[in-house]
Amino acid sequence: MESLIQTIAIYALPVIFAITLHEAAHGYVARHFGDQTAWQQGRISLNPMRHIDPIGTIVMPLILLLATRGSLVFGWAKPVPVNFGNLRHPKRDMLWVAAAGPAANLAMMMIWATVLKLSYVSGGGGGIFVLEMARAGVMTNVLFMLFNLLPILPLDGGRVVFSLLPQRMAWRYGQTERYGFPILIGLMLLSQFGINILSWVLTPMLILVLGLVSTLFQVPLY
């Protein structure tokens, strides 16, 4: 029980920040390109309470945390409302709005990696808890970034693909959005029966990115 509480404590802050800043970044970039919807609804905020989805932000990460012991943790928040029709160049600007979320996770990953490096350089300053939280911050943000870049609508990767496709192909691809969340939920349910399709897809990319971060910052991440 003590180990469980400690694990939750280590991952709680990284998960909340990963989701909150991811969503706020979408709203901020949408505002920059002409859509004020998220701003008017108060969703361009660092207040986690404005973004938390009970299932995606709390229940799903907790289930994955317990089931995988921290090796595969991701989730989602309440989507920031974006009216793509309000963007100055809707199809083109959609790419930047979608990419803002994973970019925020990339930036947070670098920040956590810096904290981890500084802790090692200082001889473990801050204690083992800070080391483990920083490591969890790197892992969590890499997973959130990679998961959201999957080319499945309505994930960010799907929006990027839509933006890059020619108009007719983009329209046809856009018709798949209605199946996006059922597909993702199905993949998560399959993982509970040992059919870890998401893990098979994400793990090679995760190992690659973590290897690059470990080499760049000269810190162990496993």
C-alpha atoms as a PDB file:
ATOM      1  CA  MET A   1       0.000   0.000   0.000  1.00  0.00           C
ATOM      2  CA  GLU A   2       2.823   2.368   0.889  1.00  0.00           C
ATOM      3  CA  SER A   3       4.506   1.636  -2.445  1.00  0.00           C
ATOM      4  CA  LEU A   4       1.242   2.355  -4.284  1.00  0.00           C
ATOM      5  CA  ILE A   5       0.777   5.712  -2.561  1.00  0.00           C
ATOM      6  CA  GLN A   6       4.388   6.639  -3.287  1.00  0.00           C
ATOM      7  CA  THR A   7       4.015   5.767  -6.973  1.00  0.00           C
ATOM      8  CA  ILE A   8       0.837   7.858  -7.263  1.00  0.00           C
ATOM      9  CA  ALA A   9       2.567  10.769  -5.497  1.00  0.00           C
ATOM     10  CA  ILE A  10       5.516  10.578  -7.901  1.00  0.00           C
ATOM     11  CA  TYR A  11       3.352  10.576 -11.034  1.00  0.00           C
ATOM     12  CA  ALA A  12       0.525  12.914  -9.950  1.00  0.00           C
ATOM     13  CA  LEU A  13       2.262  16.229 -10.680  1.00  0.00           C
ATOM     14  CA  PRO A  14       3.881  15.171 -13.983  1.00  0.00           C
ATOM     15  CA  VAL A  15       0.571  13.785 -15.300  1.00  0.00           C
ATOM     16  CA  ILE A  16      -1.470  16.841 -14.284  1.00  0.00           C
ATOM     17  CA  PHE A  17       1.061  19.275 -15.801  1.00  0.00           C
ATOM     18  CA  ALA A  18       1.448  17.170 -18.959  1.00  0.00           C
ATOM     19  CA  ILE A  19      -2.286  17.266 -19.620  1.00  0.00           C
ATOM     20  CA  THR A  20      -2.953  20.848 -18.464  1.00  0.00           C
ATOM     21  CA  LEU A  21      -0.176  22.531 -20.449  1.00  0.00           C
ATOM     22  CA  HIS A  22      -0.921  20.361 -23.482  1.00  0.00           C
ATOM     23  CA  GLU A  23      -4.495  21.637 -23.629  1.00  0.00           C
ATOM     24  CA  ALA A  24      -3.638  25.242 -22.756  1.00  0.00           C
ATOM     25  CA  ALA A  25      -1.117  25.261 -25.624  1.00  0.00           C
ATOM     26  CA  HIS A  26      -3.843  24.303 -28.101  1.00  0.00           C
ATOM     27  CA  GLY A  27      -5.986  27.208 -26.953  1.00  0.00           C
ATOM     28  CA  TYR A  28      -3.135  29.705 -26.969  1.00  0.00           C
ATOM     29  CA  VAL A  29      -2.058  28.865 -30.521  1.00  0.00           C
ATOM     30  CA  ALA A  30      -5.680  28.843 -31.727  1.00  0.00           C
ATOM     31  CA  ARG A  31      -6.059  32.350 -30.317  1.00  0.00           C
ATOM     32  CA  HIS A  32      -2.853  33.424 -32.061  1.00  0.00           C
ATOM     33  CA  PHE A  33      -4.279  32.260 -35.393  1.00  0.00           C
ATOM     34  CA  GLY A  34      -7.639  33.945 -34.945  1.00  0.00           C
ATOM     35  CA  ASP A  35      -9.959  31.681 -32.922  1.00  0.00           C
ATOM     36  CA  GLN A  36     -10.988  33.221 -29.589  1.00  0.00           C
ATOM     37  CA  THR A  37     -13.262  30.345 -28.482  1.00  0.00           C
ATOM     38  CA  ALA A  38     -10.946  28.828 -25.870  1.00  0.00           C
ATOM     39  CA  TRP A  39      -9.993  32.283 -24.571  1.00  0.00           C
ATOM     40  CA  GLN A  40     -13.625  33.318 -24.171  1.00  0.00           C
ATOM     41  CA  GLN A  41     -14.409  30.128 -22.259  1.00  0.00           C
ATOM     42  CA  GLY A  42     -11.456  30.560 -19.918  1.00  0.00           C
ATOM     43  CA  ARG A  43      -9.643  27.462 -21.188  1.00  0.00           C
ATOM     44  CA  ILE A  44      -6.289  29.141 -21.872  1.00  0.00           C
ATOM     45  CA  SER A  45      -5.340  28.569 -18.272  1.00  0.00           C
ATOM     46  CA  LEU A  46      -2.740  26.759 -16.183  1.00  0.00           C
ATOM     47  CA  ASN A  47      -5.436  25.906 -13.637  1.00  0.00           C
ATOM     48  CA  PRO A  48      -5.744  22.075 -13.852  1.00  0.00           C
ATOM     49  CA  MET A  49      -9.376  22.193 -12.705  1.00  0.00           C
ATOM     50  CA  ARG A  50     -10.345  23.849 -16.001  1.00  0.00           C
ATOM     51  CA  HIS A  51      -8.978  20.917 -18.001  1.00  0.00           C
ATOM     52  CA  ILE A  52      -9.432  17.779 -15.891  1.00  0.00           C
ATOM     53  CA  ASP A  53     -11.620  15.039 -17.318  1.00  0.00           C
ATOM     54  CA  PRO A  54     -12.518  12.549 -14.535  1.00  0.00           C
ATOM     55  CA  ILE A  55     -12.013   9.518 -16.780  1.00  0.00           C
ATOM     56  CA  GLY A  56      -9.146  10.627 -19.010  1.00  0.00           C
ATOM     57  CA  THR A  57      -7.139  12.644 -16.467  1.00  0.00           C
ATOM     58  CA  ILE A  58      -7.624  10.542 -13.345  1.00  0.00           C
ATOM     59  CA  VAL A  59      -9.129   7.091 -13.892  1.00  0.00           C
ATOM     60  CA  MET A  60      -7.317   6.020 -17.084  1.00  0.00           C
ATOM     61  CA  PRO A  61      -3.799   7.152 -16.030  1.00  0.00           C
ATOM     62  CA  LEU A  62      -4.349   5.529 -12.618  1.00  0.00           C
ATOM     63  CA  ILE A  63      -5.432   2.222 -14.166  1.00  0.00           C
ATOM     64  CA  LEU A  64      -2.474   2.233 -16.560  1.00  0.00           C
ATOM     65  CA  LEU A  65      -0.113   3.253 -13.769  1.00  0.00           C
ATOM     66  CA  LEU A  66      -1.190   0.304 -11.639  1.00  0.00           C
ATOM     67  CA  ALA A  67      -1.368  -2.154 -14.535  1.00  0.00           C
ATOM     68  CA  THR A  68       2.000  -1.299 -16.083  1.00  0.00           C
ATOM     69  CA  ARG A  69       3.882  -0.011 -13.001  1.00  0.00           C
ATOM     70  CA  GLY A  70       4.566   3.275 -14.768  1.00  0.00           C
ATOM     71  CA  SER A  71       5.838   1.845 -18.045  1.00  0.00           C
ATOM     72  CA  LEU A  72       2.826   3.058 -20.053  1.00  0.00           C
ATOM     73  CA  VAL A  73       0.911   6.039 -18.632  1.00  0.00           C
ATOM     74  CA  PHE A  74      -1.185   8.417 -20.717  1.00  0.00           C
ATOM     75  CA  GLY A  75      -4.638   9.966 -20.736  1.00  0.00           C
ATOM     76  CA  TRP A  76      -6.551  12.990 -21.889  1.00  0.00           C
ATOM     77  CA  ALA A  77      -8.224  16.155 -20.638  1.00  0.00           C
ATOM     78  CA  LYS A  78     -11.396  17.929 -21.636  1.00  0.00           C
ATOM     79  CA  PRO A  79     -10.583  19.024 -25.195  1.00  0.00           C
ATOM     80  CA  VAL A  80      -9.964  22.734 -25.553  1.00  0.00           C
ATOM     81  CA  PRO A  81     -12.731  24.082 -27.818  1.00  0.00           C
ATOM     82  CA  VAL A  82     -11.352  25.204 -31.162  1.00  0.00           C
ATOM     83  CA  ASN A  83     -13.549  26.517 -33.964  1.00  0.00           C
ATOM     84  CA  PHE A  84     -11.313  25.792 -36.933  1.00  0.00           C
ATOM     85  CA  GLY A  85     -13.598  27.924 -39.118  1.00  0.00           C
ATOM     86  CA  ASN A  86     -12.465  30.985 -37.162  1.00  0.00           C
ATOM     87  CA  LEU A  87      -8.798  30.434 -37.997  1.00  0.00           C
ATOM     88  CA  ARG A  88      -7.421  32.786 -40.614  1.00  0.00           C
ATOM     89  CA  HIS A  89      -6.400  29.854 -42.811  1.00  0.00           C
ATOM     90  CA  PRO A  90      -8.383  26.935 -41.324  1.00  0.00           C
ATOM     91  CA  LYS A  91      -6.754  23.934 -42.997  1.00  0.00           C
ATOM     92  CA  ARG A  92      -3.215  25.285 -42.813  1.00  0.00           C
ATOM     93  CA  ASP A  93      -3.452  26.757 -39.311  1.00  0.00           C
ATOM     94  CA  MET A  94      -4.999  23.535 -37.985  1.00  0.00           C
ATOM     95  CA  LEU A  95      -1.542  21.972 -38.214  1.00  0.00           C
ATOM     96  CA  TRP A  96      -0.031  24.507 -35.815  1.00  0.00           C
ATOM     97  CA  VAL A  97      -2.942  24.306 -33.373  1.00  0.00           C
ATOM     98  CA  ALA A  98      -2.701  20.503 -33.323  1.00  0.00           C
ATOM     99  CA  ALA A  99       1.096  20.444 -33.042  1.00  0.00           C
ATOM    100  CA  ALA A 100       1.055  22.874 -30.089  1.00  0.00           C
ATOM    101  CA  GLY A 101      -0.021  20.169 -27.616  1.00  0.00           C
ATOM    102  CA  PRO A 102       2.767  17.668 -28.389  1.00  0.00           C
ATOM    103  CA  ALA A 103       5.217  20.596 -28.592  1.00  0.00           C
ATOM    104  CA  ALA A 104       4.229  21.571 -25.036  1.00  0.00           C
ATOM    105  CA  ASN A 105       4.907  17.992 -23.918  1.00  0.00           C
ATOM    106  CA  LEU A 106       8.282  18.098 -25.661  1.00  0.00           C
ATOM    107  CA  ALA A 107       9.166  21.306 -23.805  1.00  0.00           C
ATOM    108  CA  MET A 108       8.068  19.823 -20.460  1.00  0.00           C
ATOM    109  CA  MET A 109      10.067  16.686 -21.165  1.00  0.00           C
ATOM    110  CA  MET A 110      13.179  18.843 -21.595  1.00  0.00           C
ATOM    111  CA  ILE A 111      12.428  20.724 -18.369  1.00  0.00           C
ATOM    112  CA  TRP A 112      12.017  17.488 -16.379  1.00  0.00           C
ATOM    113  CA  ALA A 113      15.200  16.109 -17.956  1.00  0.00           C
ATOM    114  CA  THR A 114      17.013  19.267 -16.858  1.00  0.00           C
ATOM    115  CA  VAL A 115      15.710  18.829 -13.300  1.00  0.00           C
ATOM    116  CA  LEU A 116      16.901  15.223 -13.394  1.00  0.00           C
ATOM    117  CA  LYS A 117      20.341  16.264 -14.648  1.00  0.00           C
ATOM    118  CA  LEU A 118      20.713  18.984 -12.003  1.00  0.00           C
ATOM    119  CA  SER A 119      19.703  16.551  -9.294  1.00  0.00           C
ATOM    120  CA  TYR A 120      22.361  14.094 -10.416  1.00  0.00           C
ATOM    121  CA  VAL A 121      25.018  16.795 -10.729  1.00  0.00           C
ATOM    122  CA  SER A 122      24.244  18.009  -7.201  1.00  0.00           C
ATOM    123  CA  GLY A 123      24.690  14.507  -5.840  1.00  0.00           C
ATOM    124  CA  GLY A 124      21.016  13.735  -5.479  1.00  0.00           C
ATOM    125  CA  GLY A 125      19.987  17.136  -4.204  1.00  0.00           C
ATOM    126  CA  GLY A 126      16.300  17.069  -3.299  1.00  0.00           C
ATOM    127  CA  GLY A 127      16.378  13.370  -2.543  1.00  0.00           C
ATOM    128  CA  ILE A 128      15.236  10.237  -4.308  1.00  0.00           C
ATOM    129  CA  PHE A 129      11.678  11.580  -4.557  1.00  0.00           C
ATOM    130  CA  VAL A 130      12.783  14.461  -6.808  1.00  0.00           C
ATOM    131  CA  LEU A 131      14.851  12.083  -8.931  1.00  0.00           C
ATOM    132  CA  GLU A 132      11.935   9.713  -9.415  1.00  0.00           C
ATOM    133  CA  MET A 133       9.454  12.524 -10.093  1.00  0.00           C
ATOM    134  CA  ALA A 134      11.772  14.041 -12.702  1.00  0.00           C
ATOM    135  CA  ARG A 135      12.210  10.634 -14.335  1.00  0.00           C
ATOM    136  CA  ALA A 136       8.424  10.163 -14.276  1.00  0.00           C
ATOM    137  CA  GLY A 137       8.027  13.641 -15.809  1.00  0.00           C
ATOM    138  CA  VAL A 138      10.256  12.696 -18.722  1.00  0.00           C
ATOM    139  CA  MET A 139       8.492   9.365 -19.252  1.00  0.00           C
ATOM    140  CA  THR A 140       4.985  10.803 -18.954  1.00  0.00           C
ATOM    141  CA  ASN A 141       5.547  13.665 -21.382  1.00  0.00           C
ATOM    142  CA  VAL A 142       7.215  11.430 -23.962  1.00  0.00           C
ATOM    143  CA  LEU A 143       4.244   9.057 -23.798  1.00  0.00           C
ATOM    144  CA  PHE A 144       1.696  11.877 -24.017  1.00  0.00           C
ATOM    145  CA  MET A 145       3.549  13.361 -26.983  1.00  0.00           C
ATOM    146  CA  LEU A 146       3.812  10.048 -28.857  1.00  0.00           C
ATOM    147  CA  PHE A 147       0.255   8.971 -28.056  1.00  0.00           C
ATOM    148  CA  ASN A 148      -1.209  12.250 -29.266  1.00  0.00           C
ATOM    149  CA  LEU A 149       0.853  12.089 -32.459  1.00  0.00           C
ATOM    150  CA  LEU A 150      -0.777   8.828 -33.530  1.00  0.00           C
ATOM    151  CA  PRO A 151      -2.422   9.509 -36.932  1.00  0.00           C
ATOM    152  CA  ILE A 152      -5.928   8.843 -35.635  1.00  0.00           C
ATOM    153  CA  LEU A 153      -8.580  11.558 -35.597  1.00  0.00           C
ATOM    154  CA  PRO A 154      -9.349  13.389 -33.356  1.00  0.00           C
ATOM    155  CA  LEU A 155      -5.844  13.046 -31.892  1.00  0.00           C
ATOM    156  CA  ASP A 156      -3.320  15.763 -32.746  1.00  0.00           C
ATOM    157  CA  GLY A 157      -1.492  13.483 -35.143  1.00  0.00           C
ATOM    158  CA  GLY A 158      -4.739  13.000 -37.044  1.00  0.00           C
ATOM    159  CA  ARG A 159      -5.232  16.771 -37.271  1.00  0.00           C
ATOM    160  CA  VAL A 160      -1.695  17.193 -38.599  1.00  0.00           C
ATOM    161  CA  VAL A 161      -2.284  14.518 -41.255  1.00  0.00           C
ATOM    162  CA  PHE A 162      -5.608  16.153 -42.208  1.00  0.00           C
ATOM    163  CA  SER A 163      -3.890  19.508 -42.604  1.00  0.00           C
ATOM    164  CA  LEU A 164      -1.180  18.077 -44.857  1.00  0.00           C
ATOM    165  CA  LEU A 165      -3.423  16.032 -47.158  1.00  0.00           C
ATOM    166  CA  PRO A 166      -4.859  17.439 -50.411  1.00  0.00           C
ATOM    167  CA  GLN A 167      -8.394  18.763 -50.001  1.00  0.00           C
ATOM    168  CA  ARG A 168     -10.302  15.750 -51.348  1.00  0.00           C
ATOM    169  CA  MET A 169      -8.194  13.202 -49.462  1.00  0.00           C
ATOM    170  CA  ALA A 170      -8.430  15.325 -46.306  1.00  0.00           C
ATOM    171  CA  TRP A 171     -12.235  15.345 -46.559  1.00  0.00           C
ATOM    172  CA  ARG A 172     -12.327  11.549 -46.880  1.00  0.00           C
ATOM    173  CA  TYR A 173      -9.859  11.139 -44.038  1.00  0.00           C
ATOM    174  CA  GLY A 174     -11.966  13.475 -41.903  1.00  0.00           C
ATOM    175  CA  GLN A 175     -14.882  11.036 -42.173  1.00  0.00           C
ATOM    176  CA  THR A 176     -12.954   8.608 -39.956  1.00  0.00           C
ATOM    177  CA  GLU A 177     -13.101  10.947 -36.954  1.00  0.00           C
ATOM    178  CA  ARG A 178     -16.380   9.456 -35.733  1.00  0.00           C
ATOM    179  CA  TYR A 179     -14.563   6.141 -35.223  1.00  0.00           C
ATOM    180  CA  GLY A 180     -11.488   7.585 -33.521  1.00  0.00           C
ATOM    181  CA  PHE A 181     -12.416   7.320 -29.856  1.00  0.00           C
ATOM    182  CA  PRO A 182     -14.115   3.903 -30.198  1.00  0.00           C
ATOM    183  CA  ILE A 183     -10.912   2.637 -31.839  1.00  0.00           C
ATOM    184  CA  LEU A 184      -8.745   4.035 -29.043  1.00  0.00           C
ATOM    185  CA  ILE A 185     -10.988   2.664 -26.302  1.00  0.00           C
ATOM    186  CA  GLY A 186     -11.008  -0.703 -28.076  1.00  0.00           C
ATOM    187  CA  LEU A 187      -7.209  -0.742 -28.246  1.00  0.00           C
ATOM    188  CA  MET A 188      -6.997   0.051 -24.522  1.00  0.00           C
ATOM    189  CA  LEU A 189      -9.470  -2.709 -23.677  1.00  0.00           C
ATOM    190  CA  LEU A 190      -7.558  -5.203 -25.825  1.00  0.00           C
ATOM    191  CA  SER A 191      -4.426  -4.436 -23.814  1.00  0.00           C
ATOM    192  CA  GLN A 192      -6.197  -5.788 -20.729  1.00  0.00           C
ATOM    193  CA  PHE A 193      -6.455  -9.157 -22.517  1.00  0.00           C
ATOM    194  CA  GLY A 194      -2.793  -9.265 -23.477  1.00  0.00           C
ATOM    195  CA  ILE A 195      -3.214  -7.838 -26.989  1.00  0.00           C
ATOM    196  CA  ASN A 196      -1.003  -4.799 -26.502  1.00  0.00           C
ATOM    197  CA  ILE A 197      -1.277  -3.124 -29.895  1.00  0.00           C
ATOM    198  CA  LEU A 198      -0.720   0.349 -28.435  1.00  0.00           C
ATOM    199  CA  SER A 199       2.328  -0.872 -26.576  1.00  0.00           C
ATOM    200  CA  TRP A 200       3.718  -2.523 -29.735  1.00  0.00           C
ATOM    201  CA  VAL A 201       3.316   0.758 -31.618  1.00  0.00           C
ATOM    202  CA  LEU A 202       4.497   3.163 -28.918  1.00  0.00           C
ATOM    203  CA  THR A 203       7.301   1.200 -27.242  1.00  0.00           C
ATOM    204  CA  PRO A 204       9.858   1.335 -30.106  1.00  0.00           C
ATOM    205  CA  MET A 205       9.342   5.090 -30.461  1.00  0.00           C
ATOM    206  CA  LEU A 206       9.468   5.498 -26.674  1.00  0.00           C
ATOM    207  CA  ILE A 207      12.779   3.647 -26.449  1.00  0.00           C
ATOM    208  CA  LEU A 208      14.208   5.754 -29.280  1.00  0.00           C
ATOM    209  CA  VAL A 209      13.201   9.097 -27.739  1.00  0.00           C
ATOM    210  CA  LEU A 210      14.270   8.114 -24.219  1.00  0.00           C
ATOM    211  CA  GLY A 211      17.598   6.933 -25.595  1.00  0.00           C
ATOM    212  CA  LEU A 212      18.142  10.297 -27.273  1.00  0.00           C
ATOM    213  CA  VAL A 213      17.217  12.187 -24.091  1.00  0.00           C
ATOM    214  CA  SER A 214      19.451   9.963 -21.962  1.00  0.00           C
ATOM    215  CA  THR A 215      22.376  10.539 -24.327  1.00  0.00           C
ATOM    216  CA  LEU A 216      21.781  14.278 -24.591  1.00  0.00           C
ATOM    217  CA  PHE A 217      21.486  14.871 -20.838  1.00  0.00           C
ATOM    218  CA  GLN A 218      23.782  12.022 -19.755  1.00  0.00           C
ATOM    219  CA  VAL A 219      21.279  10.664 -17.235  1.00  0.00           C
ATOM    220  CA  PRO A 220      19.797   7.163 -16.798  1.00  0.00           C
ATOM    221  CA  LEU A 221      16.073   6.965 -17.510  1.00  0.00           C
ATOM    222  CA  TYR A 222      15.388   3.285 -16.869  1.00  0.00           C
END
